[in-house]
PDB file of N, CA and C in Angstrom:
ATOM      1  N   UNK A   1     -11.452  15.423  -1.600  1.00  0.00           N
ATOM      2  CA  UNK A   1     -12.050  14.628  -0.556  1.00  0.00           C
ATOM      3  C   UNK A   1     -10.968  13.746   0.075  1.00  0.00           C
ATOM      4  N   UNK A   2     -10.662  13.956   1.345  1.00  0.00           N
ATOM      5  CA  UNK A   2      -9.648  13.115   1.983  1.00  0.00           C
ATOM      6  C   UNK A   2     -10.201  11.717   2.283  1.00  0.00           C
ATOM      7  N   UNK A   3      -9.373  10.729   2.065  1.00  0.00           N
ATOM      8  CA  UNK A   3      -9.748   9.343   2.331  1.00  0.00           C
ATOM      9  C   UNK A   3      -9.304   8.948   3.723  1.00  0.00           C
ATOM     10  N   UNK A   4     -10.109   8.112   4.365  1.00  0.00           N
ATOM     11  CA  UNK A   4      -9.716   7.553   5.659  1.00  0.00           C
ATOM     12  C   UNK A   4      -8.844   6.329   5.398  1.00  0.00           C
ATOM     13  N   UNK A   5      -7.834   6.149   6.214  1.00  0.00           N
ATOM     14  CA  UNK A   5      -6.905   5.034   6.041  1.00  0.00           C
ATOM     15  C   UNK A   5      -7.304   3.862   6.917  1.00  0.00           C
ATOM     16  N   UNK A   6      -7.237   2.671   6.338  1.00  0.00           N
ATOM     17  CA  UNK A   6      -7.445   1.425   7.079  1.00  0.00           C
ATOM     18  C   UNK A   6      -6.329   0.473   6.655  1.00  0.00           C
ATOM     19  N   UNK A   7      -5.778  -0.238   7.613  1.00  0.00           N
ATOM     20  CA  UNK A   7      -4.637  -1.109   7.350  1.00  0.00           C
ATOM     21  C   UNK A   7      -4.988  -2.571   7.606  1.00  0.00           C
ATOM     22  N   UNK A   8      -4.481  -3.438   6.757  1.00  0.00           N
ATOM     23  CA  UNK A   8      -4.560  -4.879   6.998  1.00  0.00           C
ATOM     24  C   UNK A   8      -3.740  -5.142   8.257  1.00  0.00           C
ATOM     25  N   UNK A   9      -4.169  -6.063   9.129  1.00  0.00           N
ATOM     26  CA  UNK A   9      -3.431  -6.309  10.383  1.00  0.00           C
ATOM     27  C   UNK A   9      -1.958  -6.669  10.185  1.00  0.00           C
ATOM     28  N   UNK A  10      -1.627  -7.350   9.099  1.00  0.00           N
ATOM     29  CA  UNK A  10      -0.242  -7.752   8.883  1.00  0.00           C
ATOM     30  C   UNK A  10       0.660  -6.587   8.476  1.00  0.00           C
ATOM     31  N   UNK A  11       0.074  -5.489   8.033  1.00  0.00           N
ATOM     32  CA  UNK A  11       0.889  -4.326   7.668  1.00  0.00           C
ATOM     33  C   UNK A  11       1.621  -3.815   8.898  1.00  0.00           C
ATOM     34  N   UNK A  12       0.894  -3.621   9.978  1.00  0.00           N
ATOM     35  CA  UNK A  12       1.525  -3.108  11.204  1.00  0.00           C
ATOM     36  C   UNK A  12       2.342  -4.171  11.929  1.00  0.00           C
ATOM     37  N   UNK A  13       1.916  -5.428  11.822  1.00  0.00           N
ATOM     38  CA  UNK A  13       2.606  -6.501  12.543  1.00  0.00           C
ATOM     39  C   UNK A  13       3.874  -6.973  11.841  1.00  0.00           C
ATOM     40  N   UNK A  14       3.871  -7.052  10.505  1.00  0.00           N
ATOM     41  CA  UNK A  14       5.003  -7.608   9.778  1.00  0.00           C
ATOM     42  C   UNK A  14       5.715  -6.614   8.873  1.00  0.00           C
ATOM     43  N   UNK A  15       4.956  -5.855   8.096  1.00  0.00           N
ATOM     44  CA  UNK A  15       5.566  -5.006   7.068  1.00  0.00           C
ATOM     45  C   UNK A  15       6.336  -3.825   7.652  1.00  0.00           C
ATOM     46  N   UNK A  16       5.701  -3.055   8.499  1.00  0.00           N
ATOM     47  CA  UNK A  16       6.316  -1.830   9.020  1.00  0.00           C
ATOM     48  C   UNK A  16       7.568  -2.113   9.849  1.00  0.00           C
ATOM     49  N   UNK A  17       7.564  -3.095  10.762  1.00  0.00           N
ATOM     50  CA  UNK A  17       8.793  -3.358  11.534  1.00  0.00           C
ATOM     51  C   UNK A  17       9.987  -3.785  10.676  1.00  0.00           C
ATOM     52  N   UNK A  18       9.753  -4.312   9.493  1.00  0.00           N
ATOM     53  CA  UNK A  18      10.846  -4.778   8.637  1.00  0.00           C
ATOM     54  C   UNK A  18      11.519  -3.648   7.849  1.00  0.00           C
ATOM     55  N   UNK A  19      10.972  -2.447   7.923  1.00  0.00           N
ATOM     56  CA  UNK A  19      11.483  -1.309   7.151  1.00  0.00           C
ATOM     57  C   UNK A  19      12.311  -0.417   8.077  1.00  0.00           C
ATOM     58  N   UNK A  20      13.461   0.083   7.568  1.00  0.00           N
ATOM     59  CA  UNK A  20      14.280   0.953   8.421  1.00  0.00           C
ATOM     60  C   UNK A  20      13.567   2.291   8.660  1.00  0.00           C
ATOM     61  N   UNK A  21      13.955   2.974   9.715  1.00  0.00           N
ATOM     62  CA  UNK A  21      13.254   4.169  10.198  1.00  0.00           C
ATOM     63  C   UNK A  21      13.160   5.281   9.147  1.00  0.00           C
ATOM     64  N   UNK A  22      14.243   5.577   8.438  1.00  0.00           N
ATOM     65  CA  UNK A  22      14.218   6.663   7.454  1.00  0.00           C
ATOM     66  C   UNK A  22      13.218   6.381   6.345  1.00  0.00           C
ATOM     67  N   UNK A  23      13.242   5.177   5.842  1.00  0.00           N
ATOM     68  CA  UNK A  23      12.329   4.789   4.772  1.00  0.00           C
ATOM     69  C   UNK A  23      10.894   4.718   5.280  1.00  0.00           C
ATOM     70  N   UNK A  24      10.724   4.287   6.519  1.00  0.00           N
ATOM     71  CA  UNK A  24       9.395   4.227   7.132  1.00  0.00           C
ATOM     72  C   UNK A  24       8.758   5.611   7.161  1.00  0.00           C
ATOM     73  N   UNK A  25       9.529   6.624   7.504  1.00  0.00           N
ATOM     74  CA  UNK A  25       9.015   7.994   7.536  1.00  0.00           C
ATOM     75  C   UNK A  25       8.678   8.491   6.130  1.00  0.00           C
ATOM     76  N   UNK A  26       9.505   8.141   5.175  1.00  0.00           N
ATOM     77  CA  UNK A  26       9.267   8.532   3.788  1.00  0.00           C
ATOM     78  C   UNK A  26       7.978   7.897   3.243  1.00  0.00           C
ATOM     79  N   UNK A  27       7.769   6.628   3.547  1.00  0.00           N
ATOM     80  CA  UNK A  27       6.565   5.932   3.112  1.00  0.00           C
ATOM     81  C   UNK A  27       5.334   6.518   3.797  1.00  0.00           C
ATOM     82  N   UNK A  28       5.441   6.777   5.084  1.00  0.00           N
ATOM     83  CA  UNK A  28       4.334   7.361   5.835  1.00  0.00           C
ATOM     84  C   UNK A  28       3.929   8.716   5.257  1.00  0.00           C
ATOM     85  N   UNK A  29       4.929   9.522   4.937  1.00  0.00           N
ATOM     86  CA  UNK A  29       4.651  10.839   4.357  1.00  0.00           C
ATOM     87  C   UNK A  29       3.983  10.703   2.986  1.00  0.00           C
ATOM     88  N   UNK A  30       4.440   9.751   2.177  1.00  0.00           N
ATOM     89  CA  UNK A  30       3.842   9.536   0.858  1.00  0.00           C
ATOM     90  C   UNK A  30       2.392   9.096   0.983  1.00  0.00           C
ATOM     91  N   UNK A  31       2.111   8.226   1.937  1.00  0.00           N
ATOM     92  CA  UNK A  31       0.734   7.777   2.141  1.00  0.00           C
ATOM     93  C   UNK A  31      -0.138   8.946   2.570  1.00  0.00           C
ATOM     94  N   UNK A  32       0.338   9.732   3.522  1.00  0.00           N
ATOM     95  CA  UNK A  32      -0.456  10.842   4.046  1.00  0.00           C
ATOM     96  C   UNK A  32      -0.671  11.954   3.031  1.00  0.00           C
ATOM     97  N   UNK A  33       0.325  12.251   2.219  1.00  0.00           N
ATOM     98  CA  UNK A  33       0.185  13.366   1.286  1.00  0.00           C
ATOM     99  C   UNK A  33      -0.408  12.965  -0.056  1.00  0.00           C
ATOM    100  N   UNK A  34      -0.083  11.765  -0.528  1.00  0.00           N
ATOM    101  CA  UNK A  34      -0.531  11.368  -1.865  1.00  0.00           C
ATOM    102  C   UNK A  34      -1.802  10.537  -1.842  1.00  0.00           C
ATOM    103  N   UNK A  35      -1.801   9.480  -1.048  1.00  0.00           N
ATOM    104  CA  UNK A  35      -2.934   8.555  -1.097  1.00  0.00           C
ATOM    105  C   UNK A  35      -4.202   9.105  -0.462  1.00  0.00           C
ATOM    106  N   UNK A  36      -4.064   9.907   0.577  1.00  0.00           N
ATOM    107  CA  UNK A  36      -5.276  10.415   1.211  1.00  0.00           C
ATOM    108  C   UNK A  36      -5.933  11.514   0.384  1.00  0.00           C
ATOM    109  N   UNK A  37      -5.198  12.105  -0.549  1.00  0.00           N
ATOM    110  CA  UNK A  37      -5.775  13.187  -1.342  1.00  0.00           C
ATOM    111  C   UNK A  37      -6.135  12.760  -2.756  1.00  0.00           C
ATOM    112  N   UNK A  38      -5.181  12.218  -3.509  1.00  0.00           N
ATOM    113  CA  UNK A  38      -5.412  11.860  -4.910  1.00  0.00           C
ATOM    114  C   UNK A  38      -4.770  10.517  -5.259  1.00  0.00           C
ATOM    115  N   UNK A  39      -5.349   9.417  -4.783  1.00  0.00           N
ATOM    116  CA  UNK A  39      -4.717   8.111  -5.028  1.00  0.00           C
ATOM    117  C   UNK A  39      -4.672   7.724  -6.502  1.00  0.00           C
ATOM    118  N   UNK A  40      -5.674   8.102  -7.287  1.00  0.00           N
ATOM    119  CA  UNK A  40      -5.668   7.739  -8.703  1.00  0.00           C
ATOM    120  C   UNK A  40      -4.591   8.487  -9.479  1.00  0.00           C
ATOM    121  N   UNK A  41      -4.212   9.640  -9.002  1.00  0.00           N
ATOM    122  CA  UNK A  41      -3.172  10.427  -9.677  1.00  0.00           C
ATOM    123  C   UNK A  41      -1.776   9.855  -9.412  1.00  0.00           C
ATOM    124  N   UNK A  42      -1.529   9.471  -8.172  1.00  0.00           N
ATOM    125  CA  UNK A  42      -0.187   9.016  -7.795  1.00  0.00           C
ATOM    126  C   UNK A  42      -0.014   7.503  -7.873  1.00  0.00           C
ATOM    127  N   UNK A  43      -1.101   6.765  -7.742  1.00  0.00           N
ATOM    128  CA  UNK A  43      -1.024   5.311  -7.774  1.00  0.00           C
ATOM    129  C   UNK A  43      -1.121   4.784  -9.194  1.00  0.00           C
ATOM    130  N   UNK A  44      -0.838   3.515  -9.322  1.00  0.00           N
ATOM    131  CA  UNK A  44      -0.933   2.850 -10.616  1.00  0.00           C
ATOM    132  C   UNK A  44      -1.787   1.601 -10.446  1.00  0.00           C
ATOM    133  N   UNK A  45      -2.794   1.409 -11.300  1.00  0.00           N
ATOM    134  CA  UNK A  45      -3.652   0.227 -11.142  1.00  0.00           C
ATOM    135  C   UNK A  45      -2.891  -1.060 -11.451  1.00  0.00           C
ATOM    136  N   UNK A  46      -3.213  -2.085 -10.690  1.00  0.00           N
ATOM    137  CA  UNK A  46      -2.611  -3.389 -10.923  1.00  0.00           C
ATOM    138  C   UNK A  46      -3.491  -4.182 -11.882  1.00  0.00           C
ATOM    139  N   UNK A  47      -2.917  -5.212 -12.473  1.00  0.00           N
ATOM    140  CA  UNK A  47      -3.637  -5.981 -13.490  1.00  0.00           C
ATOM    141  C   UNK A  47      -3.731  -7.451 -13.097  1.00  0.00           C
ATOM    142  N   UNK A  48      -4.368  -8.189 -13.950  1.00  0.00           N
ATOM    143  CA  UNK A  48      -4.513  -9.644 -13.847  1.00  0.00           C
ATOM    144  C   UNK A  48      -5.143 -10.063 -12.528  1.00  0.00           C
ATOM    145  N   UNK A  49      -4.455 -10.869 -11.729  1.00  0.00           N
ATOM    146  CA  UNK A  49      -5.060 -11.395 -10.504  1.00  0.00           C
ATOM    147  C   UNK A  49      -5.279 -10.314  -9.450  1.00  0.00           C
ATOM    148  N   UNK A  50      -4.613  -9.184  -9.580  1.00  0.00           N
ATOM    149  CA  UNK A  50      -4.770  -8.091  -8.616  1.00  0.00           C
ATOM    150  C   UNK A  50      -5.573  -6.923  -9.198  1.00  0.00           C
ATOM    151  N   UNK A  51      -6.376  -7.192 -10.184  1.00  0.00           N
ATOM    152  CA  UNK A  51      -7.203  -6.141 -10.787  1.00  0.00           C
ATOM    153  C   UNK A  51      -8.141  -5.585  -9.714  1.00  0.00           C
ATOM    154  N   UNK A  52      -8.255  -4.272  -9.675  1.00  0.00           N
ATOM    155  CA  UNK A  52      -9.053  -3.607  -8.652  1.00  0.00           C
ATOM    156  C   UNK A  52      -8.205  -3.036  -7.535  1.00  0.00           C
ATOM    157  N   UNK A  53      -6.947  -3.459  -7.473  1.00  0.00           N
ATOM    158  CA  UNK A  53      -5.998  -2.952  -6.484  1.00  0.00           C
ATOM    159  C   UNK A  53      -5.046  -1.981  -7.164  1.00  0.00           C
ATOM    160  N   UNK A  54      -4.398  -1.168  -6.359  1.00  0.00           N
ATOM    161  CA  UNK A  54      -3.477  -0.160  -6.858  1.00  0.00           C
ATOM    162  C   UNK A  54      -2.157  -0.293  -6.134  1.00  0.00           C
ATOM    163  N   UNK A  55      -1.106   0.323  -6.708  1.00  0.00           N
ATOM    164  CA  UNK A  55       0.183   0.369  -6.025  1.00  0.00           C
ATOM    165  C   UNK A  55       0.716   1.796  -6.052  1.00  0.00           C
ATOM    166  N   UNK A  56       1.452   2.114  -5.019  1.00  0.00           N
ATOM    167  CA  UNK A  56       2.192   3.372  -4.943  1.00  0.00           C
ATOM    168  C   UNK A  56       3.637   2.988  -4.743  1.00  0.00           C
ATOM    169  N   UNK A  57       4.500   3.501  -5.596  1.00  0.00           N
ATOM    170  CA  UNK A  57       5.921   3.191  -5.507  1.00  0.00           C
ATOM    171  C   UNK A  57       6.618   4.222  -4.633  1.00  0.00           C
ATOM    172  N   UNK A  58       7.347   3.750  -3.638  1.00  0.00           N
ATOM    173  CA  UNK A  58       8.159   4.616  -2.784  1.00  0.00           C
ATOM    174  C   UNK A  58       9.524   3.949  -2.672  1.00  0.00           C
ATOM    175  N   UNK A  59      10.466   4.402  -3.462  1.00  0.00           N
ATOM    176  CA  UNK A  59      11.782   3.770  -3.501  1.00  0.00           C
ATOM    177  C   UNK A  59      11.649   2.340  -3.993  1.00  0.00           C
ATOM    178  N   UNK A  60      12.220   1.404  -3.257  1.00  0.00           N
ATOM    179  CA  UNK A  60      12.137  -0.012  -3.615  1.00  0.00           C
ATOM    180  C   UNK A  60      10.923  -0.699  -2.991  1.00  0.00           C
ATOM    181  N   UNK A  61      10.075   0.059  -2.322  1.00  0.00           N
ATOM    182  CA  UNK A  61       8.897  -0.512  -1.673  1.00  0.00           C
ATOM    183  C   UNK A  61       7.633  -0.163  -2.445  1.00  0.00           C
ATOM    184  N   UNK A  62       6.642  -1.046  -2.310  1.00  0.00           N
ATOM    185  CA  UNK A  62       5.353  -0.835  -2.947  1.00  0.00           C
ATOM    186  C   UNK A  62       4.273  -0.855  -1.877  1.00  0.00           C
ATOM    187  N   UNK A  63       3.401   0.136  -1.946  1.00  0.00           N
ATOM    188  CA  UNK A  63       2.242   0.192  -1.074  1.00  0.00           C
ATOM    189  C   UNK A  63       1.068  -0.291  -1.917  1.00  0.00           C
ATOM    190  N   UNK A  64       0.487  -1.423  -1.556  1.00  0.00           N
ATOM    191  CA  UNK A  64      -0.641  -1.981  -2.301  1.00  0.00           C
ATOM    192  C   UNK A  64      -1.911  -1.592  -1.562  1.00  0.00           C
ATOM    193  N   UNK A  65      -2.847  -0.988  -2.289  1.00  0.00           N
ATOM    194  CA  UNK A  65      -4.058  -0.485  -1.656  1.00  0.00           C
ATOM    195  C   UNK A  65      -5.268  -0.676  -2.554  1.00  0.00           C
ATOM    196  N   UNK A  66      -6.431  -0.468  -1.940  1.00  0.00           N
ATOM    197  CA  UNK A  66      -7.696  -0.539  -2.669  1.00  0.00           C
ATOM    198  C   UNK A  66      -8.567   0.603  -2.177  1.00  0.00           C
ATOM    199  N   UNK A  67      -9.249   1.245  -3.092  1.00  0.00           N
ATOM    200  CA  UNK A  67     -10.126   2.358  -2.756  1.00  0.00           C
ATOM    201  C   UNK A  67     -11.540   1.796  -2.604  1.00  0.00           C
ATOM    202  N   UNK A  68     -12.123   1.992  -1.421  1.00  0.00           N
ATOM    203  CA  UNK A  68     -13.482   1.522  -1.141  1.00  0.00           C
ATOM    204  C   UNK A  68     -14.270   2.716  -0.613  1.00  0.00           C
ATOM    205  N   UNK A  69     -15.106   3.291  -1.484  1.00  0.00           N
ATOM    206  CA  UNK A  69     -15.880   4.488  -1.165  1.00  0.00           C
ATOM    207  C   UNK A  69     -14.951   5.602  -0.688  1.00  0.00           C
ATOM    208  N   UNK A  70     -15.061   6.017   0.573  1.00  0.00           N
ATOM    209  CA  UNK A  70     -14.210   7.098   1.083  1.00  0.00           C
ATOM    210  C   UNK A  70     -13.081   6.556   1.961  1.00  0.00           C
ATOM    211  N   UNK A  71     -12.782   5.271   1.823  1.00  0.00           N
ATOM    212  CA  UNK A  71     -11.708   4.661   2.601  1.00  0.00           C
ATOM    213  C   UNK A  71     -10.592   4.157   1.697  1.00  0.00           C
ATOM    214  N   UNK A  72      -9.410   4.156   2.227  1.00  0.00           N
ATOM    215  CA  UNK A  72      -8.223   3.652   1.549  1.00  0.00           C
ATOM    216  C   UNK A  72      -7.730   2.462   2.361  1.00  0.00           C
ATOM    217  N   UNK A  73      -7.902   1.252   1.814  1.00  0.00           N
ATOM    218  CA  UNK A  73      -7.470   0.029   2.487  1.00  0.00           C
ATOM    219  C   UNK A  73      -6.059  -0.310   2.028  1.00  0.00           C
ATOM    220  N   UNK A  74      -5.114  -0.297   2.950  1.00  0.00           N
ATOM    221  CA  UNK A  74      -3.725  -0.609   2.627  1.00  0.00           C
ATOM    222  C   UNK A  74      -3.467  -2.065   3.027  1.00  0.00           C
ATOM    223  N   UNK A  75      -3.132  -2.880   2.021  1.00  0.00           N
ATOM    224  CA  UNK A  75      -2.961  -4.313   2.220  1.00  0.00           C
ATOM    225  C   UNK A  75      -1.510  -4.736   2.381  1.00  0.00           C
ATOM    226  N   UNK A  76      -0.575  -3.884   2.027  1.00  0.00           N
ATOM    227  CA  UNK A  76       0.816  -4.265   2.188  1.00  0.00           C
ATOM    228  C   UNK A  76       1.771  -3.139   1.864  1.00  0.00           C
ATOM    229  N   UNK A  77       2.893  -3.115   2.572  1.00  0.00           N
ATOM    230  CA  UNK A  77       4.019  -2.228   2.291  1.00  0.00           C
ATOM    231  C   UNK A  77       5.225  -3.156   2.258  1.00  0.00           C
ATOM    232  N   UNK A  78       5.571  -3.590   1.051  1.00  0.00           N
ATOM    233  CA  UNK A  78       6.520  -4.690   0.901  1.00  0.00           C
ATOM    234  C   UNK A  78       7.560  -4.344  -0.166  1.00  0.00           C
ATOM    235  N   UNK A  79       8.772  -4.859   0.004  1.00  0.00           N
ATOM    236  CA  UNK A  79       9.839  -4.645  -0.970  1.00  0.00           C
ATOM    237  C   UNK A  79       9.412  -5.167  -2.334  1.00  0.00           C
ATOM    238  N   UNK A  80       9.847  -4.520  -3.375  1.00  0.00           N
ATOM    239  CA  UNK A  80       9.383  -4.816  -4.732  1.00  0.00           C
ATOM    240  C   UNK A  80       9.669  -6.249  -5.189  1.00  0.00           C
ATOM    241  N   UNK A  81      10.706  -6.866  -4.691  1.00  0.00           N
ATOM    242  CA  UNK A  81      11.033  -8.231  -5.149  1.00  0.00           C
ATOM    243  C   UNK A  81      10.045  -9.261  -4.611  1.00  0.00           C
ATOM    244  N   UNK A  82       9.374  -8.966  -3.501  1.00  0.00           N
ATOM    245  CA  UNK A  82       8.474  -9.926  -2.853  1.00  0.00           C
ATOM    246  C   UNK A  82       7.014  -9.522  -2.866  1.00  0.00           C
ATOM    247  N   UNK A  83       6.717  -8.315  -3.267  1.00  0.00           N
ATOM    248  CA  UNK A  83       5.392  -7.756  -3.026  1.00  0.00           C
ATOM    249  C   UNK A  83       4.251  -8.561  -3.629  1.00  0.00           C
ATOM    250  N   UNK A  84       4.340  -8.956  -4.857  1.00  0.00           N
ATOM    251  CA  UNK A  84       3.180  -9.565  -5.504  1.00  0.00           C
ATOM    252  C   UNK A  84       2.885 -10.962  -4.977  1.00  0.00           C
ATOM    253  N   UNK A  85       3.913 -11.751  -4.718  1.00  0.00           N
ATOM    254  CA  UNK A  85       3.693 -13.072  -4.132  1.00  0.00           C
ATOM    255  C   UNK A  85       3.064 -12.956  -2.744  1.00  0.00           C
ATOM    256  N   UNK A  86       3.600 -12.064  -1.935  1.00  0.00           N
ATOM    257  CA  UNK A  86       3.089 -11.910  -0.572  1.00  0.00           C
ATOM    258  C   UNK A  86       1.674 -11.345  -0.555  1.00  0.00           C
ATOM    259  N   UNK A  87       1.382 -10.404  -1.430  1.00  0.00           N
ATOM    260  CA  UNK A  87       0.043  -9.808  -1.459  1.00  0.00           C
ATOM    261  C   UNK A  87      -0.988 -10.838  -1.904  1.00  0.00           C
ATOM    262  N   UNK A  88      -0.679 -11.621  -2.897  1.00  0.00           N
ATOM    263  CA  UNK A  88      -1.626 -12.643  -3.356  1.00  0.00           C
ATOM    264  C   UNK A  88      -1.905 -13.639  -2.235  1.00  0.00           C
ATOM    265  N   UNK A  89      -0.872 -14.054  -1.516  1.00  0.00           N
ATOM    266  CA  UNK A  89      -1.076 -14.964  -0.378  1.00  0.00           C
ATOM    267  C   UNK A  89      -1.883 -14.299   0.733  1.00  0.00           C
ATOM    268  N   UNK A  90      -1.600 -13.034   0.989  1.00  0.00           N
ATOM    269  CA  UNK A  90      -2.282 -12.301   2.049  1.00  0.00           C
ATOM    270  C   UNK A  90      -3.768 -12.127   1.731  1.00  0.00           C
ATOM    271  N   UNK A  91      -4.080 -11.849   0.499  1.00  0.00           N
ATOM    272  CA  UNK A  91      -5.476 -11.636   0.110  1.00  0.00           C
ATOM    273  C   UNK A  91      -6.266 -12.942   0.030  1.00  0.00           C
ATOM    274  N   UNK A  92      -5.583 -14.043  -0.230  1.00  0.00           N
ATOM    275  CA  UNK A  92      -6.294 -15.319  -0.359  1.00  0.00           C
ATOM    276  C   UNK A  92      -6.531 -15.994   0.992  1.00  0.00           C
ATOM    277  N   UNK A  93      -5.877 -15.521   2.040  1.00  0.00           N
ATOM    278  CA  UNK A  93      -6.070 -16.164   3.352  1.00  0.00           C
ATOM    279  C   UNK A  93      -7.189 -15.526   4.138  1.00  0.00           C
TER     280      UNK A  93
END
């Protein structure tokens, strides 16, 4: 069952422009091939304050997402050193 993709507004406004073109294409391909088909197989569940959310690792970047029925909500595509702080702030606002 393919999932429909939905993005947090800050993903397109802040996250994607900060990534270089080659890596952007690699992340896009990973989202389209892995997350839309089998997110539980390729993703890893997050714990503690982010329980219920998942991450997909693509190089040094993390795609943080949540599965809601037949939709895939992507909340961030952020470098691994900053991802958890930024995601927690993004979700709390």
